[in-house]
């Protein structure tokens, strides 16, 4: 009798049962899981945003223009730069590590144009990541006009006065003219130029100095050297002064004779430096009458001559002659 084989039964494969279970678990509450994942990504991005630092500074704006044209409209000389990044990465960045520029070289005819401000990294700003750079303003409107030159007279800007007793006698500038260059409308509006301030306060001697030429419009430049040589001649002030009540003083009269009446005082006009004239006292001044030639009593008309002060010139005096009565002295 053939033995019958019992029905064999195979054990379940664990892999075949785990895959559907994993799929069911993965797909279970899928909307909730998607929302949670999105929230996690948003939180991560928010964290990165909130941990970034901003820094602000201003840099010069470099504007290039085509040959034969110049900017005629006012524009900002600096722009505001905003750096955004990790604090320890952006704070070492210096202002000179960021360049801001505008190029108008593509425009060949006069007109009004709007151009974007371009920002370039250099130095310590290179290789910094993450780094966001913003510039304000982002674009600027410019008016281009033909480039024009003009010759303008340069005048010194003098301040103050020399020390007391001194005066400014003469000034000079070399060269007396300067050539200015810029947009036609800007250049045509300039009639003259001045130097930077030159202080004369308290000066007692002549001097020379080199001074800058100041241009009234920032869009105009001086062609060549923007400076002139200034020289000033300073001397003691020469003044004139009239003194009244000058005593008329007879002298060299014989002891046997005497002047009966003293002549009325006269006046004297003198010239000298301010300091020397200030030092003159009226009691130092006399009009002298020489009586050395009088040998007898009588009435005589004699000339006067001034007895001045050293360092001071006598220009005129009065009276030029006086009448004196001479009597015997009884000696």
C-alpha atoms as a PDB file:
ATOM      1  CA  UNK A   1       0.000   0.000   0.000  1.00  0.00           C
ATOM      2  CA  UNK A   2       1.408   3.383  -1.046  1.00  0.00           C
ATOM      3  CA  UNK A   3       1.835   5.735   1.816  1.00  0.00           C
ATOM      4  CA  UNK A   4       0.059   9.004   1.285  1.00  0.00           C
ATOM      5  CA  UNK A   5       2.129  12.217   1.652  1.00  0.00           C
ATOM      6  CA  UNK A   6       0.662  14.470   4.179  1.00  0.00           C
ATOM      7  CA  UNK A   7      -0.395  18.016   2.775  1.00  0.00           C
ATOM      8  CA  UNK A   8       2.510  20.221   3.291  1.00  0.00           C
ATOM      9  CA  UNK A   9       1.912  23.753   4.608  1.00  0.00           C
ATOM     10  CA  UNK A  10       4.467  26.596   4.153  1.00  0.00           C
ATOM     11  CA  UNK A  11       5.155  29.231   6.850  1.00  0.00           C
ATOM     12  CA  UNK A  12       4.210  32.861   5.940  1.00  0.00           C
ATOM     13  CA  UNK A  13       7.083  35.063   4.581  1.00  0.00           C
ATOM     14  CA  UNK A  14       7.665  37.919   7.017  1.00  0.00           C
ATOM     15  CA  UNK A  15       8.899  40.242   4.225  1.00  0.00           C
ATOM     16  CA  UNK A  16       5.698  39.713   2.256  1.00  0.00           C
ATOM     17  CA  UNK A  17       3.627  40.849   5.191  1.00  0.00           C
ATOM     18  CA  UNK A  18       5.849  43.775   6.369  1.00  0.00           C
ATOM     19  CA  UNK A  19       5.803  45.685   3.069  1.00  0.00           C
ATOM     20  CA  UNK A  20       2.052  46.203   2.958  1.00  0.00           C
ATOM     21  CA  UNK A  21       2.065  47.034   6.633  1.00  0.00           C
ATOM     22  CA  UNK A  22       4.815  49.702   6.101  1.00  0.00           C
ATOM     23  CA  UNK A  23       2.886  51.143   3.206  1.00  0.00           C
ATOM     24  CA  UNK A  24      -0.282  51.288   5.275  1.00  0.00           C
ATOM     25  CA  UNK A  25       1.597  52.975   8.124  1.00  0.00           C
ATOM     26  CA  UNK A  26       3.286  55.406   5.731  1.00  0.00           C
ATOM     27  CA  UNK A  27       0.051  56.347   4.038  1.00  0.00           C
ATOM     28  CA  UNK A  28      -1.928  56.532   7.215  1.00  0.00           C
ATOM     29  CA  UNK A  29      -2.834  60.131   8.055  1.00  0.00           C
ATOM     30  CA  UNK A  30      -0.907  61.337   5.001  1.00  0.00           C
ATOM     31  CA  UNK A  31      -2.397  64.862   4.973  1.00  0.00           C
ATOM     32  CA  UNK A  32      -1.355  65.385   8.584  1.00  0.00           C
ATOM     33  CA  UNK A  33       2.160  64.187   7.867  1.00  0.00           C
ATOM     34  CA  UNK A  34       2.509  66.449   4.823  1.00  0.00           C
ATOM     35  CA  UNK A  35       1.375  69.406   6.892  1.00  0.00           C
ATOM     36  CA  UNK A  36       3.870  68.541   9.629  1.00  0.00           C
ATOM     37  CA  UNK A  37       6.708  68.207   7.115  1.00  0.00           C
ATOM     38  CA  UNK A  38       5.833  71.540   5.536  1.00  0.00           C
ATOM     39  CA  UNK A  39       5.685  73.133   8.970  1.00  0.00           C
ATOM     40  CA  UNK A  40       9.131  71.736   9.780  1.00  0.00           C
ATOM     41  CA  UNK A  41      10.578  73.170   6.583  1.00  0.00           C
ATOM     42  CA  UNK A  42       8.981  76.544   7.314  1.00  0.00           C
ATOM     43  CA  UNK A  43      10.358  76.501  10.848  1.00  0.00           C
ATOM     44  CA  UNK A  44      13.829  75.686   9.515  1.00  0.00           C
ATOM     45  CA  UNK A  45      13.694  78.500   7.020  1.00  0.00           C
ATOM     46  CA  UNK A  46      12.327  80.897   9.634  1.00  0.00           C
ATOM     47  CA  UNK A  47      15.133  79.935  11.960  1.00  0.00           C
ATOM     48  CA  UNK A  48      17.706  80.633   9.301  1.00  0.00           C
ATOM     49  CA  UNK A  49      16.081  83.977   8.488  1.00  0.00           C
ATOM     50  CA  UNK A  50      15.834  85.075  12.091  1.00  0.00           C
ATOM     51  CA  UNK A  51      19.455  84.170  12.810  1.00  0.00           C
ATOM     52  CA  UNK A  52      20.782  86.333   9.918  1.00  0.00           C
ATOM     53  CA  UNK A  53      22.097  89.811  10.745  1.00  0.00           C
ATOM     54  CA  UNK A  54      21.828  93.059   8.792  1.00  0.00           C
ATOM     55  CA  UNK A  55      24.468  95.765   8.524  1.00  0.00           C
ATOM     56  CA  UNK A  56      24.200  99.175   6.852  1.00  0.00           C
ATOM     57  CA  UNK A  57      26.749 101.631   5.499  1.00  0.00           C
ATOM     58  CA  UNK A  58      27.183 104.097   2.646  1.00  0.00           C
ATOM     59  CA  UNK A  59      29.686 103.915  -0.180  1.00  0.00           C
ATOM     60  CA  UNK A  60      30.637 106.428  -2.899  1.00  0.00           C
ATOM     61  CA  UNK A  61      28.818 106.122  -6.197  1.00  0.00           C
ATOM     62  CA  UNK A  62      31.095 106.003  -9.239  1.00  0.00           C
ATOM     63  CA  UNK A  63      29.461 107.294 -12.427  1.00  0.00           C
ATOM     64  CA  UNK A  64      31.138 106.822 -15.801  1.00  0.00           C
ATOM     65  CA  UNK A  65      30.068 108.939 -18.765  1.00  0.00           C
ATOM     66  CA  UNK A  66      30.828 108.668 -22.470  1.00  0.00           C
ATOM     67  CA  UNK A  67      33.396 110.936 -24.094  1.00  0.00           C
ATOM     68  CA  UNK A  68      32.011 114.382 -24.965  1.00  0.00           C
ATOM     69  CA  UNK A  69      29.088 114.222 -22.516  1.00  0.00           C
ATOM     70  CA  UNK A  70      28.698 115.162 -18.839  1.00  0.00           C
ATOM     71  CA  UNK A  71      26.027 114.767 -16.171  1.00  0.00           C
ATOM     72  CA  UNK A  72      23.901 117.894 -15.806  1.00  0.00           C
ATOM     73  CA  UNK A  73      21.387 116.700 -13.192  1.00  0.00           C
ATOM     74  CA  UNK A  74      22.004 116.286  -9.487  1.00  0.00           C
ATOM     75  CA  UNK A  75      22.431 112.721  -8.259  1.00  0.00           C
ATOM     76  CA  UNK A  76      23.392 111.104  -4.941  1.00  0.00           C
ATOM     77  CA  UNK A  77      27.137 110.960  -4.361  1.00  0.00           C
ATOM     78  CA  UNK A  78      26.720 107.941  -2.088  1.00  0.00           C
ATOM     79  CA  UNK A  79      24.332 104.993  -1.931  1.00  0.00           C
ATOM     80  CA  UNK A  80      23.131 102.953   1.034  1.00  0.00           C
ATOM     81  CA  UNK A  81      24.335  99.371   1.182  1.00  0.00           C
ATOM     82  CA  UNK A  82      22.557  96.702   3.236  1.00  0.00           C
ATOM     83  CA  UNK A  83      24.436  93.488   4.006  1.00  0.00           C
ATOM     84  CA  UNK A  84      22.469  90.487   5.240  1.00  0.00           C
ATOM     85  CA  UNK A  85      24.191  87.362   6.464  1.00  0.00           C
ATOM     86  CA  UNK A  86      25.764  85.677   9.449  1.00  0.00           C
ATOM     87  CA  UNK A  87      26.963  88.267  11.936  1.00  0.00           C
ATOM     88  CA  UNK A  88      30.493  86.906  12.272  1.00  0.00           C
ATOM     89  CA  UNK A  89      30.809  86.924   8.469  1.00  0.00           C
ATOM     90  CA  UNK A  90      29.464  90.375   7.543  1.00  0.00           C
ATOM     91  CA  UNK A  91      30.924  92.558  10.268  1.00  0.00           C
ATOM     92  CA  UNK A  92      34.529  92.147   9.031  1.00  0.00           C
ATOM     93  CA  UNK A  93      33.404  93.491   5.639  1.00  0.00           C
ATOM     94  CA  UNK A  94      34.611  97.087   5.181  1.00  0.00           C
ATOM     95  CA  UNK A  95      33.013  99.879   3.171  1.00  0.00           C
ATOM     96  CA  UNK A  96      35.849  99.724   0.648  1.00  0.00           C
ATOM     97  CA  UNK A  97      35.043  96.057   0.035  1.00  0.00           C
ATOM     98  CA  UNK A  98      31.841  97.019  -1.805  1.00  0.00           C
ATOM     99  CA  UNK A  99      31.807  99.093  -5.002  1.00  0.00           C
ATOM    100  CA  UNK A 100      28.730 100.881  -6.324  1.00  0.00           C
ATOM    101  CA  UNK A 101      28.756 102.173  -9.877  1.00  0.00           C
ATOM    102  CA  UNK A 102      26.610 103.377 -12.735  1.00  0.00           C
ATOM    103  CA  UNK A 103      27.702 103.179 -16.355  1.00  0.00           C
ATOM    104  CA  UNK A 104      26.273 105.626 -18.895  1.00  0.00           C
ATOM    105  CA  UNK A 105      28.854 104.743 -21.544  1.00  0.00           C
ATOM    106  CA  UNK A 106      26.280 103.171 -23.837  1.00  0.00           C
ATOM    107  CA  UNK A 107      24.523 106.536 -24.364  1.00  0.00           C
ATOM    108  CA  UNK A 108      26.094 108.627 -27.103  1.00  0.00           C
ATOM    109  CA  UNK A 109      23.674 111.571 -27.363  1.00  0.00           C
ATOM    110  CA  UNK A 110      22.391 114.160 -24.869  1.00  0.00           C
ATOM    111  CA  UNK A 111      19.187 113.205 -23.103  1.00  0.00           C
ATOM    112  CA  UNK A 112      17.576 111.840 -19.951  1.00  0.00           C
ATOM    113  CA  UNK A 113      18.400 108.241 -19.026  1.00  0.00           C
ATOM    114  CA  UNK A 114      17.679 105.893 -16.143  1.00  0.00           C
ATOM    115  CA  UNK A 115      20.437 103.493 -15.123  1.00  0.00           C
ATOM    116  CA  UNK A 116      20.721 100.673 -12.599  1.00  0.00           C
ATOM    117  CA  UNK A 117      23.209 100.860  -9.749  1.00  0.00           C
ATOM    118  CA  UNK A 118      25.625  97.949  -9.951  1.00  0.00           C
ATOM    119  CA  UNK A 119      27.217  96.508  -6.807  1.00  0.00           C
ATOM    120  CA  UNK A 120      30.469  94.523  -6.884  1.00  0.00           C
ATOM    121  CA  UNK A 121      32.198  92.608  -4.119  1.00  0.00           C
ATOM    122  CA  UNK A 122      35.897  92.724  -3.462  1.00  0.00           C
ATOM    123  CA  UNK A 123      38.354  92.162  -0.645  1.00  0.00           C
ATOM    124  CA  UNK A 124      36.830  90.598   2.445  1.00  0.00           C
ATOM    125  CA  UNK A 125      33.346  90.538   0.853  1.00  0.00           C
ATOM    126  CA  UNK A 126      34.384  87.871  -1.628  1.00  0.00           C
ATOM    127  CA  UNK A 127      33.513  84.288  -0.775  1.00  0.00           C
ATOM    128  CA  UNK A 128      31.117  85.191   2.061  1.00  0.00           C
ATOM    129  CA  UNK A 129      27.994  82.997   1.953  1.00  0.00           C
ATOM    130  CA  UNK A 130      25.201  83.404   2.643  1.00  0.00           C
ATOM    131  CA  UNK A 131      25.422  87.125   1.803  1.00  0.00           C
ATOM    132  CA  UNK A 132      22.639  89.297   0.456  1.00  0.00           C
ATOM    133  CA  UNK A 133      23.546  92.798  -0.741  1.00  0.00           C
ATOM    134  CA  UNK A 134      20.886  95.442  -1.357  1.00  0.00           C
ATOM    135  CA  UNK A 135      21.478  98.958  -2.634  1.00  0.00           C
ATOM    136  CA  UNK A 136      19.299 102.048  -2.263  1.00  0.00           C
ATOM    137  CA  UNK A 137      18.442 103.600  -4.627  1.00  0.00           C
ATOM    138  CA  UNK A 138      18.463 100.746  -7.093  1.00  0.00           C
ATOM    139  CA  UNK A 139      18.332 103.039 -10.131  1.00  0.00           C
ATOM    140  CA  UNK A 140      18.962 106.736 -10.811  1.00  0.00           C
ATOM    141  CA  UNK A 141      17.853 109.141 -13.530  1.00  0.00           C
ATOM    142  CA  UNK A 142      20.599 111.185 -15.210  1.00  0.00           C
ATOM    143  CA  UNK A 143      20.553 114.095 -17.653  1.00  0.00           C
ATOM    144  CA  UNK A 144      23.458 114.127 -20.102  1.00  0.00           C
ATOM    145  CA  UNK A 145      24.607 117.331 -21.824  1.00  0.00           C
ATOM    146  CA  UNK A 146      27.585 118.197 -24.023  1.00  0.00           C
ATOM    147  CA  UNK A 147      30.856 118.565 -22.115  1.00  0.00           C
ATOM    148  CA  UNK A 148      31.974 122.228 -22.071  1.00  0.00           C
ATOM    149  CA  UNK A 149      35.030 124.167 -20.879  1.00  0.00           C
ATOM    150  CA  UNK A 150      35.257 127.785 -19.742  1.00  0.00           C
ATOM    151  CA  UNK A 151      37.874 130.127 -18.276  1.00  0.00           C
ATOM    152  CA  UNK A 152      36.852 131.809 -14.991  1.00  0.00           C
ATOM    153  CA  UNK A 153      38.525 134.460 -12.819  1.00  0.00           C
ATOM    154  CA  UNK A 154      39.724 133.305  -9.387  1.00  0.00           C
ATOM    155  CA  UNK A 155      39.375 135.692  -6.415  1.00  0.00           C
ATOM    156  CA  UNK A 156      40.780 135.200  -2.894  1.00  0.00           C
ATOM    157  CA  UNK A 157      38.328 134.788  -0.018  1.00  0.00           C
ATOM    158  CA  UNK A 158      39.893 136.957   2.694  1.00  0.00           C
ATOM    159  CA  UNK A 159      38.835 136.809   6.322  1.00  0.00           C
ATOM    160  CA  UNK A 160      39.772 139.072   9.213  1.00  0.00           C
ATOM    161  CA  UNK A 161      42.234 141.961   9.346  1.00  0.00           C
ATOM    162  CA  UNK A 162      45.937 142.290  10.176  1.00  0.00           C
ATOM    163  CA  UNK A 163      47.052 143.186  13.683  1.00  0.00           C
ATOM    164  CA  UNK A 164      46.410 146.697  14.982  1.00  0.00           C
ATOM    165  CA  UNK A 165      48.832 149.098  13.395  1.00  0.00           C
ATOM    166  CA  UNK A 166      49.244 146.998  10.252  1.00  0.00           C
ATOM    167  CA  UNK A 167      47.394 146.951   6.952  1.00  0.00           C
ATOM    168  CA  UNK A 168      47.046 144.796   3.866  1.00  0.00           C
ATOM    169  CA  UNK A 169      48.790 146.747   1.118  1.00  0.00           C
ATOM    170  CA  UNK A 170      48.655 144.379  -1.839  1.00  0.00           C
ATOM    171  CA  UNK A 171      47.472 140.884  -2.818  1.00  0.00           C
ATOM    172  CA  UNK A 172      48.048 138.667  -5.807  1.00  0.00           C
ATOM    173  CA  UNK A 173      47.038 135.272  -7.206  1.00  0.00           C
ATOM    174  CA  UNK A 174      48.906 133.065  -9.660  1.00  0.00           C
ATOM    175  CA  UNK A 175      47.337 131.990 -11.962  1.00  0.00           C
ATOM    176  CA  UNK A 176      44.510 134.508 -12.020  1.00  0.00           C
ATOM    177  CA  UNK A 177      42.213 132.260 -14.078  1.00  0.00           C
ATOM    178  CA  UNK A 178      41.203 128.607 -14.028  1.00  0.00           C
ATOM    179  CA  UNK A 179      39.552 126.394 -16.619  1.00  0.00           C
ATOM    180  CA  UNK A 180      36.383 124.667 -15.452  1.00  0.00           C
ATOM    181  CA  UNK A 181      34.802 121.674 -17.158  1.00  0.00           C
ATOM    182  CA  UNK A 182      31.350 120.101 -16.973  1.00  0.00           C
ATOM    183  CA  UNK A 183      27.867 119.973 -18.481  1.00  0.00           C
ATOM    184  CA  UNK A 184      27.118 122.989 -20.664  1.00  0.00           C
ATOM    185  CA  UNK A 185      24.281 124.473 -18.582  1.00  0.00           C
ATOM    186  CA  UNK A 186      26.272 124.069 -15.372  1.00  0.00           C
ATOM    187  CA  UNK A 187      29.447 125.660 -16.727  1.00  0.00           C
ATOM    188  CA  UNK A 188      27.630 128.619 -18.300  1.00  0.00           C
ATOM    189  CA  UNK A 189      26.079 129.559 -14.934  1.00  0.00           C
ATOM    190  CA  UNK A 190      29.490 130.092 -13.281  1.00  0.00           C
ATOM    191  CA  UNK A 191      30.847 133.647 -13.578  1.00  0.00           C
ATOM    192  CA  UNK A 192      33.772 133.493 -11.131  1.00  0.00           C
ATOM    193  CA  UNK A 193      35.572 131.259  -8.672  1.00  0.00           C
ATOM    194  CA  UNK A 194      36.893 131.836  -5.175  1.00  0.00           C
ATOM    195  CA  UNK A 195      39.611 130.259  -3.091  1.00  0.00           C
ATOM    196  CA  UNK A 196      39.256 128.612   0.248  1.00  0.00           C
ATOM    197  CA  UNK A 197      39.240 131.038   3.174  1.00  0.00           C
ATOM    198  CA  UNK A 198      42.493 132.932   3.846  1.00  0.00           C
ATOM    199  CA  UNK A 199      42.751 134.279   7.396  1.00  0.00           C
ATOM    200  CA  UNK A 200      44.496 137.649   7.834  1.00  0.00           C
ATOM    201  CA  UNK A 201      43.667 137.972  11.525  1.00  0.00           C
ATOM    202  CA  UNK A 202      46.586 139.251  13.580  1.00  0.00           C
ATOM    203  CA  UNK A 203      49.172 139.109  10.797  1.00  0.00           C
ATOM    204  CA  UNK A 204      52.112 141.532  10.919  1.00  0.00           C
ATOM    205  CA  UNK A 205      54.307 140.362   8.037  1.00  0.00           C
ATOM    206  CA  UNK A 206      53.873 139.571   4.362  1.00  0.00           C
ATOM    207  CA  UNK A 207      53.197 135.935   3.499  1.00  0.00           C
ATOM    208  CA  UNK A 208      52.512 133.499   0.663  1.00  0.00           C
ATOM    209  CA  UNK A 209      50.374 130.374   0.712  1.00  0.00           C
ATOM    210  CA  UNK A 210      48.959 127.821  -1.714  1.00  0.00           C
ATOM    211  CA  UNK A 211      45.168 127.559  -1.504  1.00  0.00           C
ATOM    212  CA  UNK A 212      42.495 125.401  -3.125  1.00  0.00           C
ATOM    213  CA  UNK A 213      40.018 126.702  -5.658  1.00  0.00           C
ATOM    214  CA  UNK A 214      36.420 126.225  -4.532  1.00  0.00           C
ATOM    215  CA  UNK A 215      33.894 125.346  -7.233  1.00  0.00           C
ATOM    216  CA  UNK A 216      30.264 126.334  -6.469  1.00  0.00           C
ATOM    217  CA  UNK A 217      28.871 123.254  -8.251  1.00  0.00           C
ATOM    218  CA  UNK A 218      29.852 119.678  -7.445  1.00  0.00           C
ATOM    219  CA  UNK A 219      29.174 118.672 -11.056  1.00  0.00           C
ATOM    220  CA  UNK A 220      31.912 121.031 -12.279  1.00  0.00           C
ATOM    221  CA  UNK A 221      35.597 120.224 -12.069  1.00  0.00           C
ATOM    222  CA  UNK A 222      38.711 122.361 -12.431  1.00  0.00           C
ATOM    223  CA  UNK A 223      40.873 121.220 -15.317  1.00  0.00           C
ATOM    224  CA  UNK A 224      44.404 120.605 -14.086  1.00  0.00           C
ATOM    225  CA  UNK A 225      45.632 121.745 -10.687  1.00  0.00           C
ATOM    226  CA  UNK A 226      42.727 123.020  -8.561  1.00  0.00           C
ATOM    227  CA  UNK A 227      44.938 125.370  -6.514  1.00  0.00           C
ATOM    228  CA  UNK A 228      46.565 128.798  -6.833  1.00  0.00           C
ATOM    229  CA  UNK A 229      49.445 130.637  -5.182  1.00  0.00           C
ATOM    230  CA  UNK A 230      48.333 133.605  -3.072  1.00  0.00           C
ATOM    231  CA  UNK A 231      50.650 136.281  -1.709  1.00  0.00           C
ATOM    232  CA  UNK A 232      49.927 139.278   0.494  1.00  0.00           C
ATOM    233  CA  UNK A 233      51.992 142.331   1.372  1.00  0.00           C
ATOM    234  CA  UNK A 234      51.405 143.548   4.926  1.00  0.00           C
ATOM    235  CA  UNK A 235      53.025 146.705   6.294  1.00  0.00           C
ATOM    236  CA  UNK A 236      52.656 149.016   9.234  1.00  0.00           C
ATOM    237  CA  UNK A 237      49.761 151.406   8.735  1.00  0.00           C
ATOM    238  CA  UNK A 238      50.736 154.960   7.826  1.00  0.00           C
ATOM    239  CA  UNK A 239      48.395 157.552   9.333  1.00  0.00           C
ATOM    240  CA  UNK A 240      48.204 161.330   9.621  1.00  0.00           C
ATOM    241  CA  UNK A 241      47.136 163.278  12.664  1.00  0.00           C
ATOM    242  CA  UNK A 242      46.767 166.972  13.505  1.00  0.00           C
ATOM    243  CA  UNK A 243      47.754 168.169  16.962  1.00  0.00           C
ATOM    244  CA  UNK A 244      46.370 171.415  18.342  1.00  0.00           C
ATOM    245  CA  UNK A 245      47.609 173.426  21.296  1.00  0.00           C
ATOM    246  CA  UNK A 246      51.244 173.095  20.300  1.00  0.00           C
ATOM    247  CA  UNK A 247      53.336 175.395  22.465  1.00  0.00           C
ATOM    248  CA  UNK A 248      55.347 178.081  20.664  1.00  0.00           C
ATOM    249  CA  UNK A 249      58.694 178.126  22.424  1.00  0.00           C
ATOM    250  CA  UNK A 250      61.180 181.016  21.950  1.00  0.00           C
ATOM    251  CA  UNK A 251      64.783 180.091  22.674  1.00  0.00           C
ATOM    252  CA  UNK A 252      68.319 181.456  22.750  1.00  0.00           C
ATOM    253  CA  UNK A 253      67.233 184.940  23.882  1.00  0.00           C
ATOM    254  CA  UNK A 254      69.868 187.141  25.563  1.00  0.00           C
ATOM    255  CA  UNK A 255      69.530 187.131  29.352  1.00  0.00           C
ATOM    256  CA  UNK A 256      69.220 190.944  29.229  1.00  0.00           C
ATOM    257  CA  UNK A 257      66.028 190.633  27.217  1.00  0.00           C
ATOM    258  CA  UNK A 258      62.660 188.951  27.793  1.00  0.00           C
ATOM    259  CA  UNK A 259      59.519 188.060  25.818  1.00  0.00           C
ATOM    260  CA  UNK A 260      56.721 190.329  26.965  1.00  0.00           C
ATOM    261  CA  UNK A 261      53.835 187.988  26.003  1.00  0.00           C
ATOM    262  CA  UNK A 262      53.844 184.276  25.187  1.00  0.00           C
ATOM    263  CA  UNK A 263      52.544 183.612  21.620  1.00  0.00           C
ATOM    264  CA  UNK A 264      49.265 181.809  21.202  1.00  0.00           C
ATOM    265  CA  UNK A 265      49.727 178.004  20.766  1.00  0.00           C
ATOM    266  CA  UNK A 266      49.736 176.687  17.228  1.00  0.00           C
ATOM    267  CA  UNK A 267      49.084 173.360  15.508  1.00  0.00           C
ATOM    268  CA  UNK A 268      51.086 170.656  13.814  1.00  0.00           C
ATOM    269  CA  UNK A 269      50.147 168.002  11.221  1.00  0.00           C
ATOM    270  CA  UNK A 270      52.210 164.823  11.395  1.00  0.00           C
ATOM    271  CA  UNK A 271      52.498 161.483   9.613  1.00  0.00           C
ATOM    272  CA  UNK A 272      53.903 158.142  10.746  1.00  0.00           C
ATOM    273  CA  UNK A 273      53.086 154.555  11.505  1.00  0.00           C
ATOM    274  CA  UNK A 274      50.011 153.916  13.597  1.00  0.00           C
ATOM    275  CA  UNK A 275      52.062 152.595  16.481  1.00  0.00           C
ATOM    276  CA  UNK A 276      54.475 155.541  16.363  1.00  0.00           C
ATOM    277  CA  UNK A 277      51.662 158.089  16.218  1.00  0.00           C
ATOM    278  CA  UNK A 278      49.922 156.446  19.153  1.00  0.00           C
ATOM    279  CA  UNK A 279      53.081 156.981  21.179  1.00  0.00           C
ATOM    280  CA  UNK A 280      53.224 160.752  20.513  1.00  0.00           C
ATOM    281  CA  UNK A 281      52.274 162.957  23.496  1.00  0.00           C
ATOM    282  CA  UNK A 282      51.145 166.546  22.858  1.00  0.00           C
ATOM    283  CA  UNK A 283      53.628 167.869  25.437  1.00  0.00           C
ATOM    284  CA  UNK A 284      56.455 166.540  23.250  1.00  0.00           C
ATOM    285  CA  UNK A 285      55.574 168.908  20.422  1.00  0.00           C
ATOM    286  CA  UNK A 286      56.828 172.496  20.092  1.00  0.00           C
ATOM    287  CA  UNK A 287      57.061 175.252  17.516  1.00  0.00           C
ATOM    288  CA  UNK A 288      60.432 176.850  18.064  1.00  0.00           C
ATOM    289  CA  UNK A 289      61.241 180.556  17.566  1.00  0.00           C
ATOM    290  CA  UNK A 290      64.952 181.377  17.385  1.00  0.00           C
ATOM    291  CA  UNK A 291      65.639 184.659  19.208  1.00  0.00           C
ATOM    292  CA  UNK A 292      69.418 184.356  19.065  1.00  0.00           C
ATOM    293  CA  UNK A 293      69.658 187.253  16.606  1.00  0.00           C
ATOM    294  CA  UNK A 294      67.636 189.708  18.716  1.00  0.00           C
ATOM    295  CA  UNK A 295      69.981 192.238  20.444  1.00  0.00           C
ATOM    296  CA  UNK A 296      67.572 194.899  21.618  1.00  0.00           C
ATOM    297  CA  UNK A 297      64.031 195.425  22.816  1.00  0.00           C
ATOM    298  CA  UNK A 298      61.307 195.849  20.230  1.00  0.00           C
ATOM    299  CA  UNK A 299      58.678 194.085  18.161  1.00  0.00           C
ATOM    300  CA  UNK A 300      59.891 191.380  15.794  1.00  0.00           C
ATOM    301  CA  UNK A 301      58.222 188.983  13.331  1.00  0.00           C
ATOM    302  CA  UNK A 302      60.117 185.733  13.274  1.00  0.00           C
ATOM    303  CA  UNK A 303      59.661 182.347  11.614  1.00  0.00           C
ATOM    304  CA  UNK A 304      58.740 179.209  13.519  1.00  0.00           C
ATOM    305  CA  UNK A 305      60.045 175.719  12.964  1.00  0.00           C
ATOM    306  CA  UNK A 306      58.656 172.457  14.312  1.00  0.00           C
ATOM    307  CA  UNK A 307      60.414 170.453  16.943  1.00  0.00           C
ATOM    308  CA  UNK A 308      59.030 167.010  16.164  1.00  0.00           C
ATOM    309  CA  UNK A 309      59.386 163.458  17.500  1.00  0.00           C
ATOM    310  CA  UNK A 310      61.894 160.945  16.080  1.00  0.00           C
ATOM    311  CA  UNK A 311      60.239 158.443  13.700  1.00  0.00           C
ATOM    312  CA  UNK A 312      57.352 160.793  12.884  1.00  0.00           C
ATOM    313  CA  UNK A 313      57.262 163.218   9.939  1.00  0.00           C
ATOM    314  CA  UNK A 314      55.943 166.772  10.275  1.00  0.00           C
ATOM    315  CA  UNK A 315      53.860 167.590   7.214  1.00  0.00           C
ATOM    316  CA  UNK A 316      52.699 171.094   8.111  1.00  0.00           C
ATOM    317  CA  UNK A 317      52.419 173.510  10.989  1.00  0.00           C
ATOM    318  CA  UNK A 318      50.814 176.811  11.883  1.00  0.00           C
ATOM    319  CA  UNK A 319      51.647 179.614  12.338  1.00  0.00           C
ATOM    320  CA  UNK A 320      54.672 179.827  10.083  1.00  0.00           C
ATOM    321  CA  UNK A 321      55.757 183.063  11.741  1.00  0.00           C
ATOM    322  CA  UNK A 322      54.851 184.956  14.915  1.00  0.00           C
ATOM    323  CA  UNK A 323      55.197 188.484  16.192  1.00  0.00           C
ATOM    324  CA  UNK A 324      56.964 188.786  19.537  1.00  0.00           C
ATOM    325  CA  UNK A 325      57.486 191.811  21.754  1.00  0.00           C
ATOM    326  CA  UNK A 326      60.913 191.931  23.348  1.00  0.00           C
ATOM    327  CA  UNK A 327      61.583 194.053  26.408  1.00  0.00           C
ATOM    328  CA  UNK A 328      64.579 194.597  28.647  1.00  0.00           C
ATOM    329  CA  UNK A 329      64.770 192.095  31.456  1.00  0.00           C
ATOM    330  CA  UNK A 330      66.416 194.434  33.904  1.00  0.00           C
ATOM    331  CA  UNK A 331      69.314 192.103  34.438  1.00  0.00           C
END
